[in-house]
Amino acid sequence: MSNGIKNTLIAGAALAAAAAIPGVASAQSNGITSCDAPGGRQQAGALIGAVIGGLAGSQVSRNERTLGAVVGAGAGAAAGSYIGCNQQRARANASASASIVRPTTNVRVRSGPGTNYRQIGSVSRGQALQAVSSSGEWVQISSGGWVNANYLTY
């Protein structure tokens, strides 16, 4: 391959890699060039993907290692960025779907879902709590503790 064509391909692949890294190009929220959810997973995913893709690309293309590394880095950055953005969106949706509950009386907060777990605190009647999950008749609150659902209103 001639040096002119090789350099043109390398430059094009470098531009594609740069566009895949969040913040370099942000025309729309597609999960590759920008993300509509808060968090740093997209940037971390793009960086990790670029490194792994670059290493893999240089190994796959033995005759054109530089080109393979740049193309691999671009593809890896795009894939990592997309996966990271999807993780950010999933976290944002999970926290948005958490419901607010209020104890009907003063209740104990336990370290696990049952009376056999130690008490780690207490909550006053009527205090707003964010429920994040449940297990049987126990509700986990955003602080990480567990409260018996029989003493909560939704």
Protein backbone atom coordinates (compact mmCIF):
# COMPACT_ATOMS: atom_id res chain seq x y z
CA MET A 1 0.00 0.00 0.00
CA SER A 2 1.40 3.43 -0.87
CA ASN A 3 2.36 5.81 1.94
CA GLY A 4 -0.18 8.41 0.75
CA ILE A 5 -3.11 6.01 0.95
CA LYS A 6 -1.82 4.57 4.22
CA ASN A 7 -1.53 8.04 5.80
CA THR A 8 -4.99 9.02 4.56
CA LEU A 9 -6.49 5.87 6.10
CA ILE A 10 -4.64 6.48 9.38
CA ALA A 11 -5.86 10.08 9.51
CA GLY A 12 -9.43 8.99 8.81
CA ALA A 13 -9.30 6.30 11.47
CA ALA A 14 -7.83 8.78 13.97
CA LEU A 15 -10.71 11.17 13.30
CA ALA A 16 -13.20 8.33 13.80
CA ALA A 17 -11.50 7.43 17.08
CA ALA A 18 -11.58 11.05 18.25
CA ALA A 19 -15.26 11.35 17.36
CA ALA A 20 -16.02 8.28 19.45
CA ILE A 21 -14.55 9.84 22.59
CA PRO A 22 -17.26 11.81 24.45
CA GLY A 23 -16.88 15.56 24.41
CA VAL A 24 -14.93 15.66 21.13
CA ALA A 25 -18.09 15.54 19.02
CA SER A 26 -21.52 15.88 20.54
CA ALA A 27 -24.07 16.40 17.79
CA GLN A 28 -26.76 14.23 19.38
CA SER A 29 -27.27 11.85 22.26
CA ASN A 30 -26.62 8.53 20.51
CA GLY A 31 -24.54 6.90 23.23
CA ILE A 32 -21.34 7.01 21.17
CA THR A 33 -20.48 10.69 20.76
CA SER A 34 -22.66 11.98 23.61
CA CYS A 35 -24.86 10.63 26.39
CA ASP A 36 -28.08 11.98 27.87
CA ALA A 37 -27.57 10.37 31.30
CA PRO A 38 -25.30 11.57 34.13
CA GLY A 39 -22.19 9.65 35.16
CA GLY A 40 -18.66 8.94 34.01
CA ARG A 41 -19.07 5.45 32.63
CA GLN A 42 -19.19 6.59 29.00
CA GLN A 43 -15.77 8.24 29.17
CA ALA A 44 -14.25 5.29 31.04
CA GLY A 45 -15.77 2.86 28.54
CA ALA A 46 -14.41 4.83 25.58
CA LEU A 47 -10.92 4.94 27.06
CA ILE A 48 -10.84 1.25 27.97
CA GLY A 49 -12.33 0.30 24.60
CA ALA A 50 -9.75 2.39 22.75
CA VAL A 51 -6.84 0.75 24.55
CA ILE A 52 -8.13 -2.79 24.07
CA GLY A 53 -9.18 -2.11 20.49
CA GLY A 54 -5.80 -0.60 19.65
CA LEU A 55 -3.95 -3.58 21.07
CA ALA A 56 -6.21 -6.05 19.30
CA GLY A 57 -6.03 -4.12 16.03
CA SER A 58 -2.25 -4.06 16.01
CA GLN A 59 -2.14 -7.83 16.57
CA VAL A 60 -4.72 -8.64 13.90
CA SER A 61 -3.11 -6.57 11.15
CA ARG A 62 0.48 -7.75 11.17
CA ASN A 63 1.49 -5.97 7.95
CA GLU A 64 -0.10 -2.62 8.81
CA ARG A 65 0.22 -2.45 12.61
CA THR A 66 -0.24 1.32 12.86
CA LEU A 67 -3.37 1.32 10.76
CA GLY A 68 -4.74 -1.69 12.63
CA ALA A 69 -4.05 -0.04 15.98
CA VAL A 70 -5.77 3.21 15.01
CA VAL A 71 -8.79 1.51 13.45
CA GLY A 72 -9.05 -0.88 16.40
CA ALA A 73 -8.81 2.02 18.85
CA GLY A 74 -11.59 3.86 17.04
CA ALA A 75 -13.87 0.85 16.98
CA GLY A 76 -13.07 0.01 20.60
CA ALA A 77 -13.70 3.58 21.75
CA ALA A 78 -17.05 3.66 19.97
CA ALA A 79 -18.14 0.34 21.45
CA GLY A 80 -16.92 1.21 24.95
CA SER A 81 -18.59 4.61 24.81
CA TYR A 82 -21.91 3.07 23.74
CA ILE A 83 -21.81 0.42 26.48
CA GLY A 84 -20.84 3.00 29.11
CA CYS A 85 -23.70 5.30 28.10
CA ASN A 86 -26.17 2.41 28.33
CA GLN A 87 -24.92 1.69 31.86
CA GLN A 88 -25.40 5.36 32.78
CA ARG A 89 -28.96 5.28 31.40
CA ALA A 90 -29.76 2.09 33.32
CA ARG A 91 -28.54 3.64 36.59
CA ALA A 92 -30.53 6.82 35.97
CA ASN A 93 -33.70 4.81 35.25
CA ALA A 94 -33.22 2.65 38.35
CA SER A 95 -32.89 5.64 40.65
CA ALA A 96 -35.83 7.42 39.00
CA SER A 97 -38.09 4.39 39.53
CA ALA A 98 -37.38 4.19 43.28
CA SER A 99 -40.49 4.97 45.33
CA ILE A 100 -40.94 7.09 48.44
CA VAL A 101 -42.27 5.30 51.55
CA ARG A 102 -43.08 6.56 55.05
CA PRO A 103 -43.08 4.59 58.33
CA THR A 104 -46.44 4.47 60.18
CA THR A 105 -44.54 4.31 63.48
CA ASN A 106 -40.95 4.60 64.67
CA VAL A 107 -39.12 1.65 63.09
CA ARG A 108 -35.77 -0.08 63.37
CA VAL A 109 -33.42 -0.11 60.41
CA ARG A 110 -31.59 -3.41 60.07
CA SER A 111 -28.46 -4.46 58.20
CA GLY A 112 -30.37 -7.14 56.28
CA PRO A 113 -33.91 -8.29 55.44
CA GLY A 114 -34.96 -9.91 58.74
CA THR A 115 -35.09 -9.55 62.51
CA ASN A 116 -32.03 -11.80 62.77
CA TYR A 117 -29.90 -8.95 61.32
CA ARG A 118 -28.46 -6.35 63.68
CA GLN A 119 -30.10 -2.98 64.15
CA ILE A 120 -28.10 -0.21 62.48
CA GLY A 121 -30.43 2.71 63.16
CA SER A 122 -34.00 3.83 63.43
CA VAL A 123 -36.42 6.01 61.50
CA SER A 124 -39.14 8.27 62.90
CA ARG A 125 -42.82 7.98 62.03
CA GLY A 126 -43.67 9.86 58.80
CA GLN A 127 -40.07 10.38 57.64
CA ALA A 128 -39.73 10.11 53.85
CA LEU A 129 -37.54 7.19 52.75
CA GLN A 130 -36.52 6.10 49.29
CA ALA A 131 -37.23 2.40 48.70
CA VAL A 132 -34.75 0.86 46.27
CA SER A 133 -35.57 -2.87 46.45
CA SER A 134 -37.41 -5.49 48.46
CA SER A 135 -37.07 -9.02 49.74
CA GLY A 136 -40.18 -10.71 51.06
CA GLU A 137 -41.77 -8.38 53.61
CA TRP A 138 -38.62 -6.25 53.89
CA VAL A 139 -37.82 -3.06 51.97
CA GLN A 140 -34.29 -1.80 51.37
CA ILE A 141 -33.94 1.97 51.67
CA SER A 142 -31.44 4.19 49.88
CA SER A 143 -29.10 4.28 52.90
CA GLY A 144 -28.60 0.53 52.47
CA GLY A 145 -30.60 -0.51 55.53
CA TRP A 146 -33.76 -2.63 55.64
CA VAL A 147 -37.19 -1.84 57.12
CA ASN A 148 -40.17 -4.15 57.60
CA ALA A 149 -42.83 -3.35 54.93
CA ASN A 150 -45.66 -3.91 57.43
CA TYR A 151 -44.76 -0.56 59.02
CA LEU A 152 -44.61 1.47 55.81
CA THR A 153 -47.10 3.38 53.67
CA TYR A 154 -46.55 3.89 49.97
